[in-house]
Amino acid sequence: MTKKAIVLLADGYEDVEAVTPIDYLRRAGIEVTSASITENLIVTSRWGGIKITADTTLAQILKQDISIWDAVILPGGIPGATALAASEETALLLKKMASYEKLICAICASPVLVLAPLGLLKEKKYTCYMGYEEKTTDGHWLEERVVTDGNIITSRAAGTTGEWSIAIINALLGSDEGKKIMQTVLL
């Protein structure tokens, strides 16, 4: 059965942190759906001004049976992560994914700004962008590039996105598939 992942997109997303997991996971045969957190399907990145046309909206995702999804992926970047954190629909999706014990994957500012306020880092090991660990008392911060603790996979920043994407593939398909993609992209 094909694994399915959602990548949530908000204006101001970190370019690499959104595009890399979409690319790597699709290379691994995972069905990836990009979802805008607003009704506008065109979402603009923070640094490159890259416009992505999302596959759907988060509102449309929430009309589906959430249990069909295996992972949700949250790019970082400011103001993207701030927009994700302010989105009631994002919070609803994350709470539902957590209740099904699905993978919740966040990078950069998103672990602290999005996951911590929802209690998703409580008693979890995690990492995030330098200095953001000071913004929460939840969880146990580790100075590692990628941290997996149960169903939560976190990473530091744009420079760790390839490793983070491989960790997601490993969690969904096993380390053999992750190794194949690493070889393909020379990671």
N, C-alpha and C. Protein backbone atom coordinates (compact mmCIF):
# COMPACT_ATOMS: atom_id res chain seq x y z
N MET A 1 0.84 -1.19 0.00
CA MET A 1 0.00 0.00 0.00
C MET A 1 0.88 1.25 0.00
N THR A 2 0.61 2.18 -0.87
CA THR A 2 1.40 3.40 -1.00
C THR A 2 1.23 4.28 0.23
N LYS A 3 2.34 4.77 0.76
CA LYS A 3 2.31 5.72 1.88
C LYS A 3 1.95 7.09 1.35
N LYS A 4 1.27 7.88 2.22
CA LYS A 4 0.79 9.20 1.82
C LYS A 4 1.22 10.25 2.82
N ALA A 5 1.72 11.37 2.30
CA ALA A 5 2.17 12.47 3.15
C ALA A 5 1.58 13.79 2.67
N ILE A 6 1.35 14.68 3.62
CA ILE A 6 0.88 16.04 3.33
C ILE A 6 2.01 17.01 3.69
N VAL A 7 2.29 17.95 2.81
CA VAL A 7 3.21 19.04 3.12
C VAL A 7 2.37 20.31 3.20
N LEU A 8 2.35 20.92 4.38
CA LEU A 8 1.57 22.15 4.56
C LEU A 8 2.38 23.35 4.13
N LEU A 9 1.76 24.22 3.34
CA LEU A 9 2.44 25.40 2.81
C LEU A 9 1.74 26.68 3.24
N ALA A 10 2.53 27.60 3.75
CA ALA A 10 2.04 28.93 4.11
C ALA A 10 2.96 29.95 3.47
N ASP A 11 2.43 31.10 3.09
CA ASP A 11 3.29 32.15 2.53
C ASP A 11 4.43 32.42 3.50
N GLY A 12 5.64 32.52 2.93
CA GLY A 12 6.83 32.75 3.74
C GLY A 12 7.52 31.47 4.16
N TYR A 13 7.14 30.34 3.53
CA TYR A 13 7.81 29.08 3.85
C TYR A 13 9.27 29.15 3.43
N GLU A 14 10.12 28.38 4.10
CA GLU A 14 11.54 28.27 3.74
C GLU A 14 11.61 27.40 2.49
N ASP A 15 12.16 27.95 1.41
CA ASP A 15 12.17 27.31 0.09
C ASP A 15 12.60 25.84 0.13
N VAL A 16 13.81 25.61 0.62
CA VAL A 16 14.40 24.26 0.61
C VAL A 16 13.61 23.30 1.50
N GLU A 17 13.10 23.81 2.62
CA GLU A 17 12.41 22.95 3.59
C GLU A 17 11.06 22.46 3.09
N ALA A 18 10.51 23.09 2.08
CA ALA A 18 9.26 22.63 1.48
C ALA A 18 9.52 21.75 0.26
N VAL A 19 10.41 22.20 -0.60
CA VAL A 19 10.62 21.51 -1.88
C VAL A 19 11.39 20.19 -1.71
N THR A 20 12.39 20.16 -0.85
CA THR A 20 13.20 18.95 -0.70
C THR A 20 12.39 17.74 -0.24
N PRO A 21 11.57 17.86 0.83
CA PRO A 21 10.82 16.66 1.20
C PRO A 21 9.81 16.23 0.13
N ILE A 22 9.22 17.19 -0.56
CA ILE A 22 8.31 16.82 -1.66
C ILE A 22 9.07 15.99 -2.69
N ASP A 23 10.23 16.49 -3.10
CA ASP A 23 11.05 15.81 -4.11
C ASP A 23 11.52 14.45 -3.62
N TYR A 24 12.19 14.39 -2.47
CA TYR A 24 12.77 13.13 -1.99
C TYR A 24 11.69 12.07 -1.74
N LEU A 25 10.60 12.46 -1.11
CA LEU A 25 9.55 11.49 -0.81
C LEU A 25 8.91 10.96 -2.09
N ARG A 26 8.70 11.82 -3.06
CA ARG A 26 8.14 11.35 -4.34
C ARG A 26 9.12 10.42 -5.05
N ARG A 27 10.41 10.70 -4.99
CA ARG A 27 11.41 9.80 -5.56
C ARG A 27 11.32 8.42 -4.92
N ALA A 28 10.98 8.38 -3.64
CA ALA A 28 10.87 7.12 -2.91
C ALA A 28 9.53 6.41 -3.13
N GLY A 29 8.66 7.02 -3.92
CA GLY A 29 7.38 6.39 -4.22
C GLY A 29 6.27 6.72 -3.23
N ILE A 30 6.51 7.70 -2.37
CA ILE A 30 5.48 8.14 -1.43
C ILE A 30 4.59 9.15 -2.13
N GLU A 31 3.29 9.02 -1.96
CA GLU A 31 2.35 9.96 -2.54
C GLU A 31 2.35 11.22 -1.68
N VAL A 32 2.82 12.32 -2.24
CA VAL A 32 2.92 13.58 -1.50
C VAL A 32 1.90 14.57 -2.05
N THR A 33 1.13 15.15 -1.15
CA THR A 33 0.16 16.17 -1.50
C THR A 33 0.56 17.46 -0.81
N SER A 34 0.75 18.52 -1.59
CA SER A 34 1.02 19.83 -0.98
C SER A 34 -0.32 20.52 -0.75
N ALA A 35 -0.45 21.14 0.42
CA ALA A 35 -1.72 21.77 0.79
C ALA A 35 -1.47 23.18 1.31
N SER A 36 -2.09 24.15 0.67
CA SER A 36 -2.03 25.53 1.13
C SER A 36 -2.92 25.65 2.37
N ILE A 37 -2.45 26.40 3.37
CA ILE A 37 -3.27 26.56 4.57
C ILE A 37 -4.34 27.64 4.38
N THR A 38 -4.29 28.33 3.24
CA THR A 38 -5.34 29.30 2.92
C THR A 38 -6.13 28.78 1.71
N GLU A 39 -7.08 29.55 1.27
CA GLU A 39 -7.87 29.15 0.09
C GLU A 39 -7.11 29.43 -1.21
N ASN A 40 -6.02 30.18 -1.13
CA ASN A 40 -5.22 30.49 -2.31
C ASN A 40 -4.24 29.35 -2.56
N LEU A 41 -4.32 28.73 -3.72
CA LEU A 41 -3.43 27.61 -4.04
C LEU A 41 -2.00 28.06 -4.33
N ILE A 42 -1.79 29.30 -4.69
CA ILE A 42 -0.45 29.79 -4.98
C ILE A 42 0.16 30.32 -3.69
N VAL A 43 1.30 29.70 -3.32
CA VAL A 43 1.98 30.03 -2.06
C VAL A 43 3.39 30.48 -2.41
N THR A 44 3.84 31.58 -1.78
CA THR A 44 5.13 32.19 -2.10
C THR A 44 6.15 31.97 -0.99
N SER A 45 7.36 31.57 -1.38
CA SER A 45 8.42 31.29 -0.41
C SER A 45 9.01 32.57 0.17
N ARG A 46 9.77 32.40 1.23
CA ARG A 46 10.38 33.51 1.96
C ARG A 46 11.54 34.13 1.20
N TRP A 47 12.52 33.34 0.83
CA TRP A 47 13.77 33.89 0.29
C TRP A 47 13.76 34.05 -1.21
N GLY A 48 13.40 33.02 -1.92
CA GLY A 48 13.49 33.07 -3.37
C GLY A 48 12.26 33.61 -4.06
N GLY A 49 11.22 33.87 -3.28
CA GLY A 49 9.97 34.30 -3.89
C GLY A 49 9.40 33.25 -4.82
N ILE A 50 9.77 31.99 -4.57
CA ILE A 50 9.31 30.89 -5.41
C ILE A 50 7.83 30.65 -5.15
N LYS A 51 7.08 30.63 -6.23
CA LYS A 51 5.64 30.40 -6.11
C LYS A 51 5.35 28.94 -6.43
N ILE A 52 4.75 28.26 -5.49
CA ILE A 52 4.32 26.88 -5.69
C ILE A 52 2.81 26.88 -5.78
N THR A 53 2.30 26.15 -6.74
CA THR A 53 0.86 25.93 -6.80
C THR A 53 0.58 24.65 -6.04
N ALA A 54 -0.04 24.79 -4.89
CA ALA A 54 -0.35 23.63 -4.04
C ALA A 54 -1.34 22.72 -4.75
N ASP A 55 -1.28 21.45 -4.39
CA ASP A 55 -2.20 20.47 -4.98
C ASP A 55 -3.63 20.69 -4.52
N THR A 56 -3.78 21.17 -3.29
CA THR A 56 -5.10 21.35 -2.70
C THR A 56 -4.99 22.33 -1.55
N THR A 57 -6.08 22.50 -0.83
CA THR A 57 -6.06 23.34 0.37
C THR A 57 -6.21 22.46 1.61
N LEU A 58 -5.77 22.98 2.72
CA LEU A 58 -5.92 22.26 3.98
C LEU A 58 -7.40 22.06 4.29
N ALA A 59 -8.23 23.02 3.96
CA ALA A 59 -9.68 22.87 4.19
C ALA A 59 -10.21 21.62 3.47
N GLN A 60 -9.74 21.37 2.25
CA GLN A 60 -10.16 20.18 1.50
C GLN A 60 -9.63 18.91 2.15
N ILE A 61 -8.39 18.94 2.64
CA ILE A 61 -7.81 17.78 3.34
C ILE A 61 -8.66 17.42 4.54
N LEU A 62 -9.09 18.44 5.29
CA LEU A 62 -9.84 18.19 6.52
C LEU A 62 -11.23 17.61 6.26
N LYS A 63 -11.70 17.68 5.03
CA LYS A 63 -12.99 17.07 4.68
C LYS A 63 -12.85 15.57 4.45
N GLN A 64 -11.59 15.08 4.39
CA GLN A 64 -11.32 13.67 4.15
C GLN A 64 -11.14 12.92 5.46
N ASP A 65 -11.07 11.61 5.35
CA ASP A 65 -10.72 10.77 6.49
C ASP A 65 -9.23 10.96 6.74
N ILE A 66 -8.87 11.59 7.84
CA ILE A 66 -7.47 11.91 8.13
C ILE A 66 -6.64 10.65 8.33
N SER A 67 -7.26 9.56 8.71
CA SER A 67 -6.50 8.34 8.98
C SER A 67 -5.83 7.76 7.73
N ILE A 68 -6.20 8.24 6.53
CA ILE A 68 -5.57 7.73 5.30
C ILE A 68 -4.15 8.28 5.12
N TRP A 69 -3.80 9.33 5.85
CA TRP A 69 -2.50 9.96 5.72
C TRP A 69 -1.51 9.31 6.69
N ASP A 70 -0.29 9.16 6.25
CA ASP A 70 0.75 8.55 7.09
C ASP A 70 1.67 9.59 7.74
N ALA A 71 1.76 10.78 7.16
CA ALA A 71 2.66 11.80 7.69
C ALA A 71 2.18 13.19 7.29
N VAL A 72 2.50 14.15 8.15
CA VAL A 72 2.31 15.56 7.83
C VAL A 72 3.66 16.23 8.02
N ILE A 73 4.01 17.12 7.09
CA ILE A 73 5.32 17.76 7.05
C ILE A 73 5.14 19.27 7.13
N LEU A 74 5.87 19.87 8.08
CA LEU A 74 5.77 21.30 8.32
C LEU A 74 7.10 21.99 8.03
N PRO A 75 7.22 22.68 6.89
CA PRO A 75 8.43 23.47 6.65
C PRO A 75 8.51 24.60 7.67
N GLY A 76 9.69 25.16 7.81
CA GLY A 76 9.85 26.30 8.70
C GLY A 76 9.92 27.58 7.90
N GLY A 77 10.73 28.49 8.40
CA GLY A 77 10.83 29.80 7.80
C GLY A 77 9.89 30.77 8.49
N ILE A 78 10.31 32.00 8.54
CA ILE A 78 9.47 33.06 9.11
C ILE A 78 9.16 34.01 7.97
N PRO A 79 7.93 34.30 7.67
CA PRO A 79 6.75 34.13 8.50
C PRO A 79 5.95 32.84 8.28
N GLY A 80 6.46 31.90 7.49
CA GLY A 80 5.71 30.67 7.21
C GLY A 80 5.33 29.90 8.45
N ALA A 81 6.30 29.65 9.33
CA ALA A 81 6.01 28.89 10.55
C ALA A 81 5.03 29.63 11.46
N THR A 82 5.15 30.95 11.49
CA THR A 82 4.22 31.76 12.29
C THR A 82 2.80 31.62 11.74
N ALA A 83 2.67 31.61 10.43
CA ALA A 83 1.34 31.43 9.81
C ALA A 83 0.78 30.04 10.11
N LEU A 84 1.63 29.01 10.05
CA LEU A 84 1.18 27.67 10.40
C LEU A 84 0.68 27.64 11.84
N ALA A 85 1.42 28.28 12.74
CA ALA A 85 1.06 28.29 14.16
C ALA A 85 -0.26 29.01 14.40
N ALA A 86 -0.55 30.02 13.60
CA ALA A 86 -1.78 30.80 13.78
C ALA A 86 -3.00 30.14 13.15
N SER A 87 -2.79 29.11 12.36
CA SER A 87 -3.87 28.45 11.62
C SER A 87 -4.60 27.43 12.49
N GLU A 88 -5.88 27.69 12.75
CA GLU A 88 -6.69 26.75 13.51
C GLU A 88 -6.84 25.41 12.77
N GLU A 89 -6.88 25.47 11.44
CA GLU A 89 -6.99 24.24 10.65
C GLU A 89 -5.72 23.40 10.76
N THR A 90 -4.56 24.06 10.81
CA THR A 90 -3.30 23.33 11.00
C THR A 90 -3.32 22.63 12.35
N ALA A 91 -3.74 23.34 13.38
CA ALA A 91 -3.82 22.74 14.73
C ALA A 91 -4.77 21.55 14.73
N LEU A 92 -5.90 21.68 14.07
CA LEU A 92 -6.87 20.59 14.01
C LEU A 92 -6.27 19.36 13.32
N LEU A 93 -5.61 19.58 12.18
CA LEU A 93 -4.98 18.47 11.46
C LEU A 93 -3.92 17.79 12.34
N LEU A 94 -3.06 18.58 12.97
CA LEU A 94 -1.99 18.01 13.79
C LEU A 94 -2.54 17.21 14.96
N LYS A 95 -3.58 17.70 15.59
CA LYS A 95 -4.19 16.97 16.71
C LYS A 95 -4.79 15.64 16.22
N LYS A 96 -5.43 15.67 15.06
CA LYS A 96 -5.98 14.44 14.50
C LYS A 96 -4.87 13.46 14.13
N MET A 97 -3.81 13.96 13.49
CA MET A 97 -2.69 13.09 13.11
C MET A 97 -2.05 12.48 14.37
N ALA A 98 -1.91 13.27 15.40
CA ALA A 98 -1.35 12.77 16.66
C ALA A 98 -2.24 11.70 17.28
N SER A 99 -3.56 11.89 17.20
CA SER A 99 -4.48 10.91 17.79
C SER A 99 -4.40 9.56 17.07
N TYR A 100 -4.02 9.59 15.79
CA TYR A 100 -3.83 8.36 15.02
C TYR A 100 -2.39 7.86 15.08
N GLU A 101 -1.54 8.56 15.84
CA GLU A 101 -0.12 8.23 15.97
C GLU A 101 0.61 8.23 14.63
N LYS A 102 0.22 9.15 13.77
CA LYS A 102 0.86 9.32 12.46
C LYS A 102 2.12 10.16 12.63
N LEU A 103 2.99 10.13 11.64
CA LEU A 103 4.22 10.92 11.69
C LEU A 103 3.91 12.41 11.60
N ILE A 104 4.55 13.16 12.48
CA ILE A 104 4.47 14.62 12.46
C ILE A 104 5.90 15.11 12.34
N CYS A 105 6.19 15.79 11.23
CA CYS A 105 7.56 16.16 10.88
C CYS A 105 7.66 17.68 10.76
N ALA A 106 8.56 18.27 11.56
CA ALA A 106 8.68 19.73 11.57
C ALA A 106 10.15 20.12 11.58
N ILE A 107 10.45 21.23 10.94
CA ILE A 107 11.84 21.70 10.81
C ILE A 107 11.92 23.18 11.12
N CYS A 108 13.12 23.60 11.51
CA CYS A 108 13.45 25.01 11.71
C CYS A 108 12.66 25.58 12.89
N ALA A 109 11.86 26.59 12.68
CA ALA A 109 11.08 27.20 13.76
C ALA A 109 9.80 26.42 14.06
N SER A 110 9.36 25.58 13.14
CA SER A 110 8.07 24.89 13.29
C SER A 110 7.96 23.97 14.50
N PRO A 111 9.01 23.24 14.90
CA PRO A 111 8.83 22.41 16.11
C PRO A 111 8.37 23.24 17.32
N VAL A 112 9.01 24.38 17.52
CA VAL A 112 8.70 25.20 18.69
C VAL A 112 7.46 26.06 18.48
N LEU A 113 7.34 26.71 17.33
CA LEU A 113 6.22 27.61 17.11
C LEU A 113 4.90 26.90 16.85
N VAL A 114 4.96 25.72 16.21
CA VAL A 114 3.72 25.03 15.83
C VAL A 114 3.42 23.85 16.76
N LEU A 115 4.40 22.98 16.97
CA LEU A 115 4.14 21.76 17.75
C LEU A 115 4.05 22.00 19.26
N ALA A 116 4.96 22.80 19.81
CA ALA A 116 5.00 22.99 21.27
C ALA A 116 3.69 23.56 21.83
N PRO A 117 3.10 24.60 21.22
CA PRO A 117 1.85 25.12 21.78
C PRO A 117 0.69 24.10 21.79
N LEU A 118 0.80 23.07 20.96
CA LEU A 118 -0.24 22.03 20.91
C LEU A 118 0.09 20.87 21.86
N GLY A 119 1.20 20.98 22.58
CA GLY A 119 1.59 19.92 23.51
C GLY A 119 2.24 18.73 22.84
N LEU A 120 2.60 18.85 21.57
CA LEU A 120 3.13 17.71 20.82
C LEU A 120 4.61 17.44 21.09
N LEU A 121 5.29 18.36 21.80
CA LEU A 121 6.68 18.12 22.17
C LEU A 121 6.85 17.66 23.61
N LYS A 122 5.76 17.61 24.36
CA LYS A 122 5.84 17.19 25.76
C LYS A 122 6.50 15.83 25.86
N GLU A 123 7.52 15.75 26.70
CA GLU A 123 8.25 14.50 26.95
C GLU A 123 8.88 13.91 25.69
N LYS A 124 9.11 14.74 24.69
CA LYS A 124 9.74 14.29 23.45
C LYS A 124 11.12 14.92 23.31
N LYS A 125 12.03 14.19 22.68
CA LYS A 125 13.30 14.76 22.26
C LYS A 125 13.05 15.43 20.91
N TYR A 126 13.68 16.59 20.71
CA TYR A 126 13.48 17.32 19.46
C TYR A 126 14.68 18.22 19.20
N THR A 127 14.72 18.77 18.01
CA THR A 127 15.67 19.82 17.66
C THR A 127 14.92 20.89 16.88
N CYS A 128 15.57 22.02 16.67
CA CYS A 128 14.95 23.14 15.96
C CYS A 128 16.02 24.15 15.57
N TYR A 129 15.60 25.23 14.97
CA TYR A 129 16.53 26.30 14.59
C TYR A 129 17.19 26.87 15.84
N MET A 130 18.47 27.19 15.73
CA MET A 130 19.25 27.69 16.87
C MET A 130 18.55 28.83 17.60
N GLY A 131 18.43 28.68 18.91
CA GLY A 131 17.84 29.71 19.75
C GLY A 131 16.35 29.53 19.99
N TYR A 132 15.65 28.84 19.11
CA TYR A 132 14.21 28.67 19.30
C TYR A 132 13.88 27.74 20.46
N GLU A 133 14.82 26.87 20.83
CA GLU A 133 14.58 25.98 21.96
C GLU A 133 14.34 26.78 23.24
N GLU A 134 14.80 28.02 23.28
CA GLU A 134 14.60 28.88 24.46
C GLU A 134 13.18 29.41 24.56
N LYS A 135 12.38 29.22 23.51
CA LYS A 135 11.01 29.74 23.48
C LYS A 135 9.98 28.77 24.05
N THR A 136 10.43 27.58 24.50
CA THR A 136 9.51 26.62 25.08
C THR A 136 10.20 25.85 26.20
N THR A 137 9.39 25.37 27.11
CA THR A 137 9.92 24.48 28.16
C THR A 137 9.50 23.04 27.89
N ASP A 138 8.76 22.84 26.82
CA ASP A 138 8.31 21.49 26.46
C ASP A 138 9.46 20.68 25.86
N GLY A 139 9.43 19.40 26.10
CA GLY A 139 10.36 18.49 25.45
C GLY A 139 11.78 18.63 25.94
N HIS A 140 12.64 17.85 25.30
CA HIS A 140 14.07 17.83 25.62
C HIS A 140 14.83 18.14 24.33
N TRP A 141 15.37 19.36 24.23
CA TRP A 141 16.07 19.80 23.04
C TRP A 141 17.43 19.14 22.94
N LEU A 142 17.76 18.68 21.72
CA LEU A 142 19.06 18.10 21.44
C LEU A 142 19.72 18.90 20.32
N GLU A 143 21.02 19.11 20.46
CA GLU A 143 21.77 19.84 19.44
C GLU A 143 22.22 18.85 18.37
N GLU A 144 21.25 18.27 17.68
CA GLU A 144 21.50 17.33 16.60
C GLU A 144 20.83 17.84 15.34
N ARG A 145 21.27 17.34 14.21
CA ARG A 145 20.73 17.80 12.93
C ARG A 145 19.31 17.30 12.68
N VAL A 146 19.03 16.07 13.07
CA VAL A 146 17.71 15.47 12.93
C VAL A 146 17.46 14.64 14.17
N VAL A 147 16.26 14.74 14.72
CA VAL A 147 15.89 13.95 15.90
C VAL A 147 14.56 13.26 15.63
N THR A 148 14.54 11.95 15.86
CA THR A 148 13.30 11.17 15.77
C THR A 148 12.97 10.66 17.16
N ASP A 149 11.77 10.95 17.62
CA ASP A 149 11.29 10.44 18.91
C ASP A 149 9.85 10.00 18.72
N GLY A 150 9.66 8.68 18.60
CA GLY A 150 8.33 8.16 18.35
C GLY A 150 7.82 8.64 17.01
N ASN A 151 6.66 9.29 17.02
CA ASN A 151 6.06 9.75 15.77
C ASN A 151 6.45 11.19 15.41
N ILE A 152 7.39 11.78 16.14
CA ILE A 152 7.82 13.15 15.88
C ILE A 152 9.23 13.14 15.28
N ILE A 153 9.38 13.77 14.10
CA ILE A 153 10.70 13.91 13.47
C ILE A 153 10.95 15.40 13.28
N THR A 154 12.04 15.89 13.90
CA THR A 154 12.36 17.31 13.82
C THR A 154 13.76 17.51 13.25
N SER A 155 14.00 18.72 12.76
CA SER A 155 15.31 19.02 12.19
C SER A 155 15.61 20.50 12.39
N ARG A 156 16.88 20.87 12.15
CA ARG A 156 17.38 22.19 12.52
C ARG A 156 17.01 23.31 11.55
N ALA A 157 17.38 23.16 10.25
CA ALA A 157 17.25 24.29 9.33
C ALA A 157 17.44 23.83 7.90
N ALA A 158 17.45 24.75 6.99
CA ALA A 158 17.54 24.45 5.55
C ALA A 158 18.69 23.50 5.23
N GLY A 159 19.84 23.66 5.88
CA GLY A 159 21.00 22.83 5.60
C GLY A 159 20.86 21.39 6.04
N THR A 160 19.83 21.07 6.81
CA THR A 160 19.61 19.70 7.28
C THR A 160 18.40 19.05 6.61
N THR A 161 17.84 19.74 5.64
CA THR A 161 16.59 19.27 5.03
C THR A 161 16.73 17.92 4.32
N GLY A 162 17.86 17.69 3.67
CA GLY A 162 18.05 16.40 2.99
C GLY A 162 18.03 15.25 3.99
N GLU A 163 18.77 15.40 5.08
CA GLU A 163 18.81 14.36 6.12
C GLU A 163 17.44 14.16 6.76
N TRP A 164 16.73 15.25 6.98
CA TRP A 164 15.39 15.19 7.56
C TRP A 164 14.44 14.43 6.62
N SER A 165 14.53 14.73 5.33
CA SER A 165 13.68 14.04 4.35
C SER A 165 13.99 12.54 4.33
N ILE A 166 15.27 12.18 4.44
CA ILE A 166 15.65 10.76 4.48
C ILE A 166 15.11 10.12 5.76
N ALA A 167 15.14 10.82 6.87
CA ALA A 167 14.58 10.28 8.13
C ALA A 167 13.09 10.00 7.98
N ILE A 168 12.39 10.86 7.27
CA ILE A 168 10.95 10.66 7.03
C ILE A 168 10.75 9.41 6.17
N ILE A 169 11.54 9.29 5.11
CA ILE A 169 11.46 8.10 4.24
C ILE A 169 11.76 6.84 5.05
N ASN A 170 12.82 6.88 5.87
CA ASN A 170 13.16 5.72 6.71
C ASN A 170 11.99 5.32 7.61
N ALA A 171 11.33 6.31 8.19
CA ALA A 171 10.22 6.03 9.10
C ALA A 171 9.02 5.44 8.35
N LEU A 172 8.80 5.88 7.12
CA LEU A 172 7.65 5.40 6.35
C LEU A 172 7.92 4.10 5.61
N LEU A 173 9.14 3.95 5.08
CA LEU A 173 9.42 2.82 4.18
C LEU A 173 10.55 1.91 4.63
N GLY A 174 11.32 2.33 5.62
CA GLY A 174 12.47 1.55 6.07
C GLY A 174 13.76 2.14 5.55
N SER A 175 14.85 1.80 6.22
CA SER A 175 16.15 2.42 5.92
C SER A 175 16.70 2.03 4.54
N ASP A 176 16.31 0.87 3.99
CA ASP A 176 16.79 0.51 2.65
C ASP A 176 16.33 1.53 1.61
N GLU A 177 15.08 1.98 1.73
CA GLU A 177 14.56 2.98 0.77
C GLU A 177 15.26 4.31 0.97
N GLY A 178 15.49 4.67 2.24
CA GLY A 178 16.22 5.91 2.51
C GLY A 178 17.61 5.88 1.92
N LYS A 179 18.30 4.75 2.03
CA LYS A 179 19.65 4.61 1.47
C LYS A 179 19.64 4.76 -0.05
N LYS A 180 18.61 4.21 -0.70
CA LYS A 180 18.51 4.33 -2.15
C LYS A 180 18.41 5.80 -2.57
N ILE A 181 17.59 6.55 -1.87
CA ILE A 181 17.43 7.97 -2.21
C ILE A 181 18.72 8.73 -1.90
N MET A 182 19.38 8.40 -0.80
CA MET A 182 20.66 9.04 -0.47
C MET A 182 21.67 8.84 -1.58
N GLN A 183 21.71 7.64 -2.12
CA GLN A 183 22.65 7.34 -3.23
C GLN A 183 22.26 8.12 -4.48
N THR A 184 20.96 8.22 -4.74
CA THR A 184 20.48 8.93 -5.92
C THR A 184 20.87 10.40 -5.90
N VAL A 185 20.77 11.03 -4.72
CA VAL A 185 21.03 12.46 -4.62
C VAL A 185 22.43 12.77 -4.08
N LEU A 186 23.24 11.71 -3.89
CA LEU A 186 24.61 11.84 -3.40
C LEU A 186 24.68 12.51 -2.03
N LEU A 187 23.72 12.20 -1.17
CA LEU A 187 23.70 12.74 0.19
C LEU A 187 24.59 11.93 1.09
